[in-house]
Amino acid sequence: MLGLPDGVRGCLFDMDGVLTRTATVHAAAWKSMFDEFLRGWAGRTGHPFVPFDAVADYDTYVDGKARLDGTRSFLDSRGISLPVGSPDDPPDARTVYALSDRKNALVQEIMDRDGVEVFPGSVRYVTAAREAGLRRAVVSASANTERVLSAAGLTGYFEARIDGVVAKRRRLAGKPAPDMYLAGAEALGLEAAEAAVFEDALAGVAAGHAGGFACVVGVDRAGQARELREHGADIVVTDLADLLEEGTE
């Protein structure tokens, strides 16, 4: 009924772009933060200002990754090296921490203003998984996961949460490493071969593939079905409801 291989006993869901329509919020926040920084950088160095692409740069360098990793990845792509800094850096500091914190502040501003929207098909699927007796966890690089799930009314759907806060505390490597998803399976009392991963980000799909999970479902929200398959997705759908029997008839 759920479109998964036999033997799957649990589901590990990414949040942004899979459960909640917050990927566009994150993309807008990354663009606002990076464009402001890049304008200043161009003025100081004489290099031309090339804005952050909220589709191509977002998908390639930051989507699905921890904030610090995403910031570093994009800066590296532009040949820009900044000191890492510390969590105590002021917002205007030219450090990886300061830029990352500014992005997070922008996300929170947008969510506080506009709220959090869920994908109805995902809610239907998670509900069906719960009714079928499958274990369920959220695995997200976001440090705002608890807040977003609460705002979206989704907290009660899941038995475990492995997010950016947990990853930092436990020193788990971020996606595309499989560590967070492996921790999610462990939290549900499952082996990787007993769990399915649901991801929309290329880094997250790669993490699921690297972890040896029973199935990696790529959720194509951005017209990148081919790339999702290339990064290790076993199944690609445009919405989780497509996996339900009534959604595939």
Protein backbone atom coordinates (compact mmCIF):
# COMPACT_ATOMS: atom_id res chain seq x y z
CA MET A 1 0.00 0.00 0.00
CA LEU A 2 2.86 2.39 0.76
CA GLY A 3 4.94 1.67 -2.33
CA LEU A 4 7.92 0.38 -0.34
CA PRO A 5 9.88 -2.90 -0.52
CA ASP A 6 8.89 -5.78 1.71
CA GLY A 7 10.74 -5.76 5.00
CA VAL A 8 10.61 -2.00 5.54
CA ARG A 9 9.59 -1.35 9.14
CA GLY A 10 10.26 2.37 9.43
CA CYS A 11 10.34 5.66 7.53
CA LEU A 12 12.89 8.46 7.90
CA PHE A 13 11.61 11.77 6.53
CA ASP A 14 13.54 14.90 5.71
CA MET A 15 11.49 17.95 6.66
CA ASP A 16 12.13 20.94 4.38
CA GLY A 17 10.74 20.16 0.94
CA VAL A 18 9.39 16.73 1.94
CA LEU A 19 6.98 17.45 4.79
CA THR A 20 6.85 21.24 4.79
CA ARG A 21 6.94 23.81 2.02
CA THR A 22 9.88 25.60 3.59
CA ALA A 23 12.55 24.93 0.98
CA THR A 24 11.55 28.15 -0.81
CA VAL A 25 11.82 30.00 2.50
CA HIS A 26 15.35 28.71 3.00
CA ALA A 27 16.31 29.51 -0.59
CA ALA A 28 15.04 33.09 -0.19
CA ALA A 29 16.92 33.50 3.09
CA TRP A 30 20.18 32.15 1.63
CA LYS A 31 19.83 34.50 -1.35
CA SER A 32 19.14 37.56 0.79
CA MET A 33 22.08 36.83 3.09
CA PHE A 34 24.58 35.90 0.37
CA ASP A 35 23.63 38.73 -2.00
CA GLU A 36 24.18 41.29 0.74
CA PHE A 37 27.56 39.73 1.54
CA LEU A 38 28.58 39.39 -2.12
CA ARG A 39 27.80 43.05 -2.86
CA GLY A 40 30.06 44.11 -0.03
CA TRP A 41 32.72 41.63 -1.11
CA ALA A 42 32.63 42.97 -4.68
CA GLY A 43 32.97 46.51 -3.39
CA ARG A 44 35.99 45.61 -1.26
CA THR A 45 37.81 43.42 -3.79
CA GLY A 46 36.81 44.89 -7.15
CA HIS A 47 35.43 41.56 -8.32
CA PRO A 48 32.11 41.67 -10.19
CA PHE A 49 28.95 41.08 -8.19
CA VAL A 50 27.41 37.75 -9.19
CA PRO A 51 24.25 37.12 -7.17
CA PHE A 52 23.36 33.86 -5.47
CA ASP A 53 21.11 31.75 -7.70
CA ALA A 54 18.16 30.64 -5.57
CA VAL A 55 17.73 27.53 -7.73
CA ALA A 56 21.09 26.37 -9.09
CA ASP A 57 23.31 27.52 -6.20
CA TYR A 58 20.74 26.46 -3.61
CA ASP A 59 20.40 22.94 -5.04
CA THR A 60 24.12 22.45 -5.58
CA TYR A 61 25.73 23.97 -2.51
CA VAL A 62 23.35 24.38 0.43
CA ASP A 63 20.17 22.30 0.11
CA GLY A 64 19.99 19.57 2.75
CA LYS A 65 23.25 20.53 4.42
CA ALA A 66 23.92 21.92 7.88
CA ARG A 67 24.08 25.73 7.80
CA LEU A 68 27.82 25.98 8.38
CA ASP A 69 28.52 23.35 5.73
CA GLY A 70 26.23 25.09 3.25
CA THR A 71 27.86 28.46 3.86
CA ARG A 72 31.34 27.03 3.41
CA SER A 73 30.34 25.06 0.32
CA PHE A 74 28.95 28.10 -1.50
CA LEU A 75 31.85 30.37 -0.48
CA ASP A 76 34.31 27.74 -1.73
CA SER A 77 32.48 27.69 -5.07
CA ARG A 78 33.23 31.41 -5.40
CA GLY A 79 36.83 31.06 -4.24
CA ILE A 80 36.10 33.01 -1.05
CA SER A 81 37.85 32.01 2.17
CA LEU A 82 36.58 33.37 5.48
CA PRO A 83 37.52 32.52 9.06
CA VAL A 84 35.12 30.12 10.73
CA GLY A 85 34.60 32.43 13.69
CA SER A 86 32.39 31.44 16.62
CA PRO A 87 28.71 31.40 17.63
CA ASP A 88 29.29 34.67 19.48
CA ASP A 89 30.24 36.63 16.36
CA PRO A 90 28.17 39.79 15.75
CA PRO A 91 25.83 39.70 12.72
CA ASP A 92 28.07 41.99 10.65
CA ALA A 93 31.25 39.91 11.15
CA ARG A 94 32.79 38.43 8.02
CA THR A 95 32.91 34.86 9.32
CA VAL A 96 31.21 31.60 8.40
CA TYR A 97 29.35 31.59 11.72
CA ALA A 98 28.08 35.14 11.32
CA LEU A 99 26.79 34.55 7.79
CA SER A 100 25.13 31.30 8.84
CA ASP A 101 23.46 32.92 11.83
CA ARG A 102 22.21 35.78 9.65
CA LYS A 103 20.62 33.27 7.29
CA ASN A 104 18.91 31.54 10.21
CA ALA A 105 17.57 34.83 11.53
CA LEU A 106 16.09 35.58 8.10
CA VAL A 107 14.38 32.17 7.99
CA GLN A 108 12.80 32.77 11.37
CA GLU A 109 11.62 36.24 10.31
CA ILE A 110 9.93 34.79 7.22
CA MET A 111 8.30 31.92 9.12
CA ASP A 112 7.08 34.23 11.88
CA ARG A 113 5.54 36.49 9.24
CA ASP A 114 4.14 33.89 6.81
CA GLY A 115 3.72 30.72 8.89
CA VAL A 116 4.60 27.17 7.82
CA GLU A 117 2.81 25.34 5.03
CA VAL A 118 2.70 21.54 4.82
CA PHE A 119 2.36 19.29 1.78
CA PRO A 120 -1.05 17.61 2.12
CA GLY A 121 0.15 14.52 0.24
CA SER A 122 2.96 14.08 2.74
CA VAL A 123 0.55 14.30 5.67
CA ARG A 124 -1.60 11.64 3.99
CA TYR A 125 1.43 9.41 3.52
CA VAL A 126 2.76 9.78 7.06
CA THR A 127 -0.74 9.09 8.39
CA ALA A 128 -0.92 5.93 6.27
CA ALA A 129 2.52 4.84 7.49
CA ARG A 130 1.43 5.31 11.08
CA GLU A 131 -1.78 3.34 10.50
CA ALA A 132 0.26 0.56 8.86
CA GLY A 133 2.38 0.28 12.01
CA LEU A 134 5.62 1.66 10.54
CA ARG A 135 7.99 3.54 12.81
CA ARG A 136 8.54 7.21 11.89
CA ALA A 137 11.29 9.77 12.43
CA VAL A 138 12.23 13.18 11.07
CA VAL A 139 15.84 13.63 9.99
CA SER A 140 16.66 17.24 9.12
CA ALA A 141 19.78 19.37 9.09
CA SER A 142 17.71 22.31 10.33
CA ALA A 143 18.25 23.54 13.87
CA ASN A 144 14.67 24.86 13.69
CA THR A 145 13.08 21.44 13.18
CA GLU A 146 11.20 21.28 16.47
CA ARG A 147 9.84 24.77 15.99
CA VAL A 148 8.75 24.12 12.40
CA LEU A 149 7.07 20.80 13.19
CA SER A 150 5.18 22.44 16.04
CA ALA A 151 4.07 25.37 13.87
CA ALA A 152 2.96 22.95 11.16
CA GLY A 153 1.03 20.74 13.60
CA LEU A 154 3.17 17.70 12.77
CA THR A 155 4.95 16.97 16.06
CA GLY A 156 2.66 14.08 17.06
CA TYR A 157 3.21 12.22 13.81
CA PHE A 158 6.78 11.21 14.65
CA GLU A 159 8.43 9.10 17.31
CA ALA A 160 11.95 10.50 16.98
CA ARG A 161 13.73 13.59 15.69
CA ILE A 162 17.34 13.85 14.55
CA ASP A 163 18.00 17.48 13.64
CA GLY A 164 20.72 20.07 13.55
CA VAL A 165 20.61 20.49 17.32
CA VAL A 166 21.00 16.75 17.91
CA ALA A 167 23.70 16.47 15.25
CA LYS A 168 25.73 19.23 16.89
CA ARG A 169 25.39 17.69 20.35
CA ARG A 170 26.29 14.20 19.16
CA ARG A 171 28.86 15.41 16.61
CA LEU A 172 27.12 13.66 13.74
CA ALA A 173 28.45 14.44 10.29
CA GLY A 174 25.92 16.26 8.14
CA LYS A 175 24.45 15.09 4.84
CA PRO A 176 25.71 13.79 2.38
CA ALA A 177 27.29 11.61 5.08
CA PRO A 178 24.76 8.97 6.24
CA ASP A 179 25.33 9.56 9.97
CA MET A 180 22.11 11.46 10.70
CA TYR A 181 19.93 8.93 8.92
CA LEU A 182 21.71 6.06 10.65
CA ALA A 183 21.03 7.81 13.95
CA GLY A 184 17.38 8.14 12.95
CA ALA A 185 17.09 4.41 12.28
CA GLU A 186 18.83 3.66 15.58
CA ALA A 187 16.40 5.93 17.44
CA LEU A 188 13.56 3.79 16.07
CA GLY A 189 15.32 0.55 17.00
CA LEU A 190 15.90 -0.36 13.35
CA GLU A 191 18.78 -1.37 11.12
CA ALA A 192 19.36 0.66 7.97
CA ALA A 193 18.13 -2.25 5.86
CA GLU A 194 14.75 -2.02 7.63
CA ALA A 195 14.16 1.68 6.93
CA ALA A 196 13.24 3.87 3.97
CA VAL A 197 14.57 7.40 3.47
CA PHE A 198 12.44 10.20 1.99
CA GLU A 199 14.42 13.17 0.63
CA ASP A 200 14.15 16.05 -1.82
CA ALA A 201 17.75 17.28 -1.55
CA LEU A 202 20.58 15.79 -3.59
CA ALA A 203 22.83 15.70 -0.51
CA GLY A 204 20.12 13.91 1.46
CA VAL A 205 19.51 11.32 -1.26
CA ALA A 206 23.25 10.69 -1.38
CA ALA A 207 23.22 10.23 2.40
CA GLY A 208 20.44 7.65 2.19
CA HIS A 209 22.25 5.79 -0.57
CA ALA A 210 25.52 5.78 1.35
CA GLY A 211 23.81 4.41 4.46
CA GLY A 212 22.62 1.21 2.81
CA PHE A 213 18.94 1.81 3.51
CA ALA A 214 16.22 -0.45 2.15
CA CYS A 215 14.90 2.25 -0.13
CA VAL A 216 15.65 5.89 -0.91
CA VAL A 217 12.65 7.85 -2.17
CA GLY A 218 13.56 11.04 -4.00
CA VAL A 219 10.86 13.71 -3.86
CA ASP A 220 11.17 15.86 -6.96
CA ARG A 221 9.93 19.32 -6.03
CA ALA A 222 12.32 21.18 -8.34
CA GLY A 223 12.41 19.31 -11.65
CA GLN A 224 15.56 17.37 -10.84
CA ALA A 225 14.37 13.76 -11.17
CA ARG A 226 17.46 12.75 -13.16
CA GLU A 227 19.83 14.25 -10.59
CA LEU A 228 17.98 12.56 -7.73
CA ARG A 229 18.43 9.19 -9.43
CA GLU A 230 22.08 9.92 -10.15
CA HIS A 231 22.64 10.63 -6.45
CA GLY A 232 21.09 7.33 -5.41
CA ALA A 233 17.29 7.55 -5.33
CA ASP A 234 15.64 4.17 -5.93
CA ILE A 235 12.22 5.75 -6.55
CA VAL A 236 11.42 9.31 -7.64
CA VAL A 237 7.98 10.86 -7.12
CA THR A 238 6.65 14.40 -7.30
CA ASP A 239 4.59 13.93 -4.13
CA LEU A 240 4.51 11.26 -1.42
CA ALA A 241 0.84 10.64 -2.15
CA ASP A 242 2.00 9.16 -5.47
CA LEU A 243 3.23 6.16 -3.47
CA LEU A 244 -0.18 5.38 -2.05
CA GLU A 245 -2.25 2.84 -3.95
CA GLU A 246 -4.99 5.30 -4.68
CA GLY A 247 -2.41 7.81 -5.89
CA THR A 248 -0.91 5.42 -8.45
CA GLU A 249 -3.99 3.85 -9.99
